[in-house]
């Protein structure tokens, strides 16, 4: 049998062609039936010729469109690095009989920690105080009081793995946790110690609003001008999920007019953000380049999760966390999986 071939997108390498991070490739090295290589170049949109000779791909940043799968017959799986999959056209992926799977468990703690980091940075005004010291304004520190977290209401838009992990991490701070999630019942929230409320209630009551839901047609611009106007003028918005969930123009105006206290954003409607974007000129928002959760720990964990999924595929098995689940019923996918040995669950 031919070896199971894995391609990795070029953005895992630096400009010298060296691996930037430990993503668990030592696990693949132990399997003699698998060979892997990196794409010869990085493109923002994956081209068919880049993936047509692989059985599976481990993908970091590039997009997959309908064009990406034209003439691609061998590929059976795309292992997305992280929890987001909005860069993959799932309909086209399914029609090409290709599974797309993600790494939710591996990303859970790092992203939850990122939310907590933002909340602490906002409440302590750490960047403003750093600037005071660097600009020789030591005595101005009394003009920049922070805000304690005890008893503050923290509302999460979405109550999945990440937000649950965040609330677990934040529990010793004695915050008041609430959440909005149409897919979580009041009783399930109660079991977690989190009060479930409507979106309007969450926005009007929260001192910190954290976005922790996936980007879908229903959540696009879920937080717009009307929703921002519901927030307290002393409240903060945190978005670590996907930029388009928040209407960035409306948020910028709200921050400019100080209708909310501030924000912390790791994601944006357009990435990378335009260097001339008015958000960058504001001093009441913390901005990071969709990478605050990137640590050696998180990349190793996500790499291991992707590779373990690929090992299952190489045995003809279904990996965990497939997002285009409808593909699992397609005859074309089943035929592809039957090419591999030990197809135990077909």
Protein backbone atom coordinates (compact mmCIF):
# COMPACT_ATOMS: atom_id res chain seq x y z
CA UNK A 1 0.00 0.00 0.00
CA UNK A 2 1.22 3.52 -0.77
CA UNK A 3 2.16 5.67 2.18
CA UNK A 4 -0.42 8.00 3.70
CA UNK A 5 0.71 11.48 2.65
CA UNK A 6 0.20 14.55 4.83
CA UNK A 7 0.74 18.15 3.75
CA UNK A 8 1.20 21.06 6.15
CA UNK A 9 0.59 24.68 5.19
CA UNK A 10 3.71 26.76 4.80
CA UNK A 11 2.81 29.19 7.60
CA UNK A 12 4.10 26.71 10.19
CA UNK A 13 7.61 27.61 8.94
CA UNK A 14 9.64 30.79 9.25
CA UNK A 15 11.25 32.61 6.33
CA UNK A 16 14.25 30.26 6.57
CA UNK A 17 12.03 27.21 6.15
CA UNK A 18 12.41 26.16 9.78
CA UNK A 19 9.54 24.98 11.97
CA UNK A 20 8.49 27.86 14.21
CA UNK A 21 6.79 25.81 16.90
CA UNK A 22 6.64 22.29 18.31
CA UNK A 23 3.40 20.90 16.87
CA UNK A 24 4.00 17.23 17.68
CA UNK A 25 5.54 16.07 14.42
CA UNK A 26 7.58 13.57 16.42
CA UNK A 27 4.35 11.56 16.67
CA UNK A 28 4.12 11.30 12.87
CA UNK A 29 7.80 10.37 12.70
CA UNK A 30 7.03 7.20 14.62
CA UNK A 31 4.59 5.89 12.03
CA UNK A 32 6.44 4.29 9.08
CA UNK A 33 3.29 4.32 6.95
CA UNK A 34 3.00 8.10 7.02
CA UNK A 35 5.10 10.70 5.26
CA UNK A 36 4.65 14.45 5.47
CA UNK A 37 5.94 17.65 3.95
CA UNK A 38 5.19 21.36 3.97
CA UNK A 39 3.60 23.24 1.09
CA UNK A 40 6.28 24.78 -1.13
CA UNK A 41 4.69 28.24 -0.76
CA UNK A 42 2.10 30.07 1.29
CA UNK A 43 -0.99 31.44 -0.39
CA UNK A 44 -3.94 33.08 1.36
CA UNK A 45 -6.25 30.81 -0.61
CA UNK A 46 -5.25 27.18 -1.03
CA UNK A 47 -4.91 26.12 -4.67
CA UNK A 48 -5.90 22.65 -5.95
CA UNK A 49 -2.36 21.79 -6.99
CA UNK A 50 -1.22 22.33 -3.40
CA UNK A 51 -3.45 19.61 -1.95
CA UNK A 52 -4.27 17.17 -4.75
CA UNK A 53 -1.46 14.71 -3.90
CA UNK A 54 -2.17 14.46 -0.17
CA UNK A 55 -4.46 12.24 1.86
CA UNK A 56 -4.75 14.84 4.61
CA UNK A 57 -3.68 18.40 5.30
CA UNK A 58 -2.85 20.16 8.57
CA UNK A 59 -3.84 23.78 8.06
CA UNK A 60 -3.08 26.91 10.08
CA UNK A 61 -4.28 30.14 8.40
CA UNK A 62 -5.16 29.88 4.67
CA UNK A 63 -8.68 29.78 3.24
CA UNK A 64 -10.34 26.92 1.36
CA UNK A 65 -12.89 27.93 -1.26
CA UNK A 66 -14.83 26.00 -3.86
CA UNK A 67 -11.93 26.53 -6.23
CA UNK A 68 -9.52 24.85 -3.79
CA UNK A 69 -11.14 21.45 -4.37
CA UNK A 70 -11.42 21.47 -8.16
CA UNK A 71 -9.94 18.23 -9.48
CA UNK A 72 -8.90 17.15 -5.98
CA UNK A 73 -9.82 13.48 -5.59
CA UNK A 74 -7.30 11.99 -3.17
CA UNK A 75 -7.75 14.32 -0.18
CA UNK A 76 -9.91 12.92 2.62
CA UNK A 77 -9.37 15.31 5.55
CA UNK A 78 -8.42 18.86 6.50
CA UNK A 79 -7.17 19.12 10.08
CA UNK A 80 -7.80 22.72 11.13
CA UNK A 81 -5.40 24.08 13.73
CA UNK A 82 -7.69 25.50 16.43
CA UNK A 83 -11.45 25.80 16.86
CA UNK A 84 -12.37 28.16 14.02
CA UNK A 85 -13.43 26.87 10.63
CA UNK A 86 -14.89 29.96 8.97
CA UNK A 87 -11.92 29.95 6.59
CA UNK A 88 -13.13 26.64 5.14
CA UNK A 89 -16.04 26.52 2.69
CA UNK A 90 -17.73 23.57 4.36
CA UNK A 91 -20.24 23.05 1.56
CA UNK A 92 -17.46 22.75 -1.00
CA UNK A 93 -15.50 20.56 1.40
CA UNK A 94 -18.44 18.18 1.77
CA UNK A 95 -19.11 18.07 -1.97
CA UNK A 96 -15.46 17.06 -2.45
CA UNK A 97 -15.97 14.22 0.10
CA UNK A 98 -13.46 15.80 2.47
CA UNK A 99 -13.83 15.91 6.25
CA UNK A 100 -12.84 19.06 8.12
CA UNK A 101 -12.07 18.61 11.80
CA UNK A 102 -10.92 20.97 14.55
CA UNK A 103 -9.19 20.83 17.95
CA UNK A 104 -11.66 22.20 20.52
CA UNK A 105 -10.25 20.45 23.57
CA UNK A 106 -6.69 21.56 22.85
CA UNK A 107 -7.69 25.21 22.33
CA UNK A 108 -9.98 25.36 25.35
CA UNK A 109 -7.57 26.32 28.16
CA UNK A 110 -5.37 28.71 26.10
CA UNK A 111 -8.33 30.74 24.81
CA UNK A 112 -10.00 30.75 28.24
CA UNK A 113 -6.76 32.06 29.68
CA UNK A 114 -6.72 34.74 26.97
CA UNK A 115 -10.18 35.98 28.01
CA UNK A 116 -9.03 36.14 31.63
CA UNK A 117 -5.86 37.99 30.58
CA UNK A 118 -7.92 40.61 28.75
CA UNK A 119 -10.28 41.01 31.69
CA UNK A 120 -7.40 41.51 34.12
CA UNK A 121 -5.60 43.91 31.78
CA UNK A 122 -8.74 46.01 31.32
CA UNK A 123 -9.62 46.09 35.01
CA UNK A 124 -6.09 47.04 36.12
CA UNK A 125 -5.52 49.51 33.25
CA UNK A 126 -2.12 47.90 32.95
CA UNK A 127 -1.21 49.36 29.55
CA UNK A 128 -2.13 52.89 30.58
CA UNK A 129 -0.02 52.58 33.73
CA UNK A 130 2.88 51.14 31.76
CA UNK A 131 2.69 54.19 29.49
CA UNK A 132 2.62 56.54 32.49
CA UNK A 133 5.91 55.14 33.76
CA UNK A 134 7.58 55.14 30.35
CA UNK A 135 6.57 58.75 29.71
CA UNK A 136 7.84 60.00 33.08
CA UNK A 137 4.38 60.58 34.55
CA UNK A 138 4.80 58.57 37.77
CA UNK A 139 2.81 61.02 39.89
CA UNK A 140 -0.19 60.87 37.55
CA UNK A 141 -0.95 57.34 38.71
CA UNK A 142 -3.66 58.52 41.12
CA UNK A 143 -5.69 59.72 38.11
CA UNK A 144 -5.90 56.21 36.67
CA UNK A 145 -7.70 54.02 39.17
CA UNK A 146 -8.50 50.48 38.16
CA UNK A 147 -11.62 48.44 38.89
CA UNK A 148 -11.87 45.51 41.28
CA UNK A 149 -13.51 42.33 40.02
CA UNK A 150 -15.29 41.14 43.17
CA UNK A 151 -19.00 41.10 42.51
CA UNK A 152 -18.65 42.27 38.90
CA UNK A 153 -21.08 40.72 36.43
CA UNK A 154 -19.30 38.91 33.62
CA UNK A 155 -21.52 37.87 30.73
CA UNK A 156 -20.52 35.36 28.07
CA UNK A 157 -22.20 35.34 24.67
CA UNK A 158 -21.97 31.58 24.15
CA UNK A 159 -21.45 28.88 26.76
CA UNK A 160 -19.31 26.26 25.05
CA UNK A 161 -16.11 24.60 26.20
CA UNK A 162 -14.04 27.78 26.15
CA UNK A 163 -16.41 30.00 28.12
CA UNK A 164 -17.02 27.22 30.65
CA UNK A 165 -13.27 26.88 31.14
CA UNK A 166 -12.98 30.65 31.52
CA UNK A 167 -15.63 30.76 34.24
CA UNK A 168 -13.83 27.93 36.03
CA UNK A 169 -10.56 29.89 35.93
CA UNK A 170 -12.27 33.11 37.05
CA UNK A 171 -14.28 31.58 39.91
CA UNK A 172 -11.75 32.48 42.67
CA UNK A 173 -12.16 36.15 41.68
CA UNK A 174 -15.76 36.09 42.97
CA UNK A 175 -17.31 37.43 39.79
CA UNK A 176 -21.00 36.97 39.01
CA UNK A 177 -21.23 34.72 35.91
CA UNK A 178 -24.12 34.93 33.45
CA UNK A 179 -24.41 33.66 29.88
CA UNK A 180 -26.55 33.81 26.77
CA UNK A 181 -26.68 30.69 24.62
CA UNK A 182 -29.86 29.59 22.83
CA UNK A 183 -28.59 26.01 22.81
CA UNK A 184 -28.06 25.72 26.58
CA UNK A 185 -31.02 25.22 28.92
CA UNK A 186 -31.50 27.06 32.20
CA UNK A 187 -31.08 23.78 34.09
CA UNK A 188 -27.80 22.99 32.33
CA UNK A 189 -26.52 26.46 33.14
CA UNK A 190 -27.60 26.02 36.75
CA UNK A 191 -25.58 22.81 36.99
CA UNK A 192 -22.54 24.83 35.94
CA UNK A 193 -23.30 27.58 38.43
CA UNK A 194 -24.04 30.03 35.62
CA UNK A 195 -27.31 31.91 35.22
CA UNK A 196 -28.71 31.78 31.68
CA UNK A 197 -30.27 35.02 30.46
CA UNK A 198 -31.42 36.60 27.22
CA UNK A 199 -28.98 38.62 25.15
CA UNK A 200 -30.61 41.93 26.06
CA UNK A 201 -30.42 41.14 29.77
CA UNK A 202 -26.81 40.07 29.46
CA UNK A 203 -25.83 43.29 27.72
CA UNK A 204 -27.62 45.56 30.18
CA UNK A 205 -26.36 43.80 33.32
CA UNK A 206 -22.76 42.88 32.49
CA UNK A 207 -19.67 44.79 33.50
CA UNK A 208 -17.68 42.63 31.08
CA UNK A 209 -19.20 41.13 27.93
CA UNK A 210 -17.13 38.31 26.43
CA UNK A 211 -17.82 36.94 22.94
CA UNK A 212 -17.36 33.16 22.92
CA UNK A 213 -19.60 31.84 20.16
CA UNK A 214 -18.79 30.57 16.66
CA UNK A 215 -19.20 32.75 13.59
CA UNK A 216 -22.27 31.63 11.63
CA UNK A 217 -24.91 33.29 9.50
CA UNK A 218 -26.94 33.78 12.67
CA UNK A 219 -24.11 35.32 14.71
CA UNK A 220 -22.75 37.66 12.00
CA UNK A 221 -22.96 41.18 13.50
CA UNK A 222 -24.80 39.74 16.49
CA UNK A 223 -23.37 42.68 18.42
CA UNK A 224 -24.13 45.89 16.55
CA UNK A 225 -25.03 49.48 17.33
CA UNK A 226 -28.33 48.57 19.02
CA UNK A 227 -26.67 45.95 21.23
CA UNK A 228 -23.73 48.20 22.14
CA UNK A 229 -26.18 50.91 23.21
CA UNK A 230 -27.64 48.44 25.73
CA UNK A 231 -24.29 48.08 27.51
CA UNK A 232 -23.41 50.07 30.60
CA UNK A 233 -21.20 53.12 29.92
CA UNK A 234 -18.77 51.56 32.43
CA UNK A 235 -18.74 48.15 30.71
CA UNK A 236 -16.04 46.46 28.65
CA UNK A 237 -16.34 44.26 25.56
CA UNK A 238 -13.96 41.34 24.98
CA UNK A 239 -13.86 39.46 21.67
CA UNK A 240 -11.63 36.41 21.32
CA UNK A 241 -13.95 34.46 18.99
CA UNK A 242 -14.32 35.89 15.46
CA UNK A 243 -14.26 39.53 14.37
CA UNK A 244 -17.44 39.65 12.27
CA UNK A 245 -19.59 38.64 15.25
CA UNK A 246 -19.20 42.28 16.28
CA UNK A 247 -19.98 45.16 13.93
CA UNK A 248 -16.52 46.71 14.05
CA UNK A 249 -17.62 50.09 12.69
CA UNK A 250 -20.34 50.37 15.33
CA UNK A 251 -17.89 49.33 18.06
CA UNK A 252 -15.36 51.91 16.90
CA UNK A 253 -17.95 54.68 17.13
CA UNK A 254 -19.08 53.49 20.57
CA UNK A 255 -15.46 53.60 21.78
CA UNK A 256 -14.79 56.98 20.17
CA UNK A 257 -17.87 58.43 21.83
CA UNK A 258 -17.04 56.61 25.09
CA UNK A 259 -20.48 55.02 25.18
CA UNK A 260 -18.72 52.01 26.71
CA UNK A 261 -15.65 52.04 28.91
CA UNK A 262 -13.37 50.06 26.64
CA UNK A 263 -12.69 46.85 24.76
CA UNK A 264 -10.09 44.15 24.18
CA UNK A 265 -9.96 42.49 20.76
CA UNK A 266 -7.90 39.62 19.41
CA UNK A 267 -10.02 39.29 16.26
CA UNK A 268 -11.26 41.71 13.60
CA UNK A 269 -13.70 41.87 10.69
CA UNK A 270 -10.81 42.01 8.25
CA UNK A 271 -7.53 40.32 9.12
CA UNK A 272 -4.92 41.57 9.20
CA UNK A 273 -6.45 44.83 10.37
CA UNK A 274 -5.70 47.87 8.19
CA UNK A 275 -2.84 49.90 9.72
CA UNK A 276 -4.97 53.01 9.20
CA UNK A 277 -8.05 51.55 10.90
CA UNK A 278 -9.43 54.11 13.40
CA UNK A 279 -9.47 51.45 16.13
CA UNK A 280 -5.69 51.61 16.26
CA UNK A 281 -5.75 55.30 17.20
CA UNK A 282 -7.97 54.77 20.26
CA UNK A 283 -6.53 54.53 23.77
CA UNK A 284 -9.49 52.71 25.33
CA UNK A 285 -9.04 49.45 23.45
CA UNK A 286 -6.44 46.67 23.67
CA UNK A 287 -5.62 45.10 20.30
CA UNK A 288 -3.71 41.88 19.60
CA UNK A 289 -3.16 40.15 16.20
CA UNK A 290 -5.36 37.05 16.59
CA UNK A 291 -2.56 35.36 18.47
CA UNK A 292 -2.88 36.05 22.20
CA UNK A 293 -3.63 32.38 22.90
CA UNK A 294 -0.62 31.21 20.90
CA UNK A 295 1.76 29.62 23.38
CA UNK A 296 4.14 26.71 23.21
CA UNK A 297 1.63 24.73 25.27
CA UNK A 298 -1.34 25.49 23.02
CA UNK A 299 0.48 24.77 19.76
CA UNK A 300 1.80 21.45 20.99
CA UNK A 301 -1.67 20.47 22.22
CA UNK A 302 -3.42 21.50 18.99
CA UNK A 303 -0.75 19.78 16.92
CA UNK A 304 -1.16 16.56 18.87
CA UNK A 305 -4.94 16.71 18.46
CA UNK A 306 -4.68 17.22 14.69
CA UNK A 307 -2.09 14.48 14.32
CA UNK A 308 -4.07 12.01 16.41
CA UNK A 309 -7.04 12.73 14.17
CA UNK A 310 -4.93 12.12 11.09
CA UNK A 311 -3.69 8.84 12.53
CA UNK A 312 -7.31 7.74 12.83
CA UNK A 313 -8.00 8.74 9.25
CA UNK A 314 -4.93 6.80 8.09
CA UNK A 315 -6.56 3.69 9.61
CA UNK A 316 -9.85 4.35 7.85
CA UNK A 317 -11.48 5.76 10.99
CA UNK A 318 -13.41 8.97 11.66
CA UNK A 319 -11.50 11.63 13.64
CA UNK A 320 -13.07 13.52 16.52
CA UNK A 321 -14.67 16.95 16.07
CA UNK A 322 -15.63 16.76 12.39
CA UNK A 323 -17.55 19.99 11.68
CA UNK A 324 -19.12 19.11 8.31
CA UNK A 325 -20.81 16.02 9.73
CA UNK A 326 -23.04 15.56 6.69
CA UNK A 327 -19.99 14.33 4.77
CA UNK A 328 -19.90 11.23 6.97
CA UNK A 329 -22.94 9.83 5.16
CA UNK A 330 -21.51 10.30 1.68
CA UNK A 331 -20.52 7.26 -0.33
CA UNK A 332 -17.57 9.12 -1.80
CA UNK A 333 -16.00 9.60 1.63
CA UNK A 334 -16.59 5.99 2.58
CA UNK A 335 -14.84 4.84 -0.59
CA UNK A 336 -11.87 7.05 0.22
CA UNK A 337 -11.63 5.67 3.74
CA UNK A 338 -11.83 2.12 2.45
CA UNK A 339 -8.46 2.67 0.77
CA UNK A 340 -6.76 2.57 4.15
CA UNK A 341 -6.12 -0.46 6.30
CA UNK A 342 -7.98 -1.34 9.49
CA UNK A 343 -11.19 0.42 8.39
CA UNK A 344 -12.84 -0.80 11.59
CA UNK A 345 -15.87 1.42 11.86
CA UNK A 346 -17.03 1.58 8.25
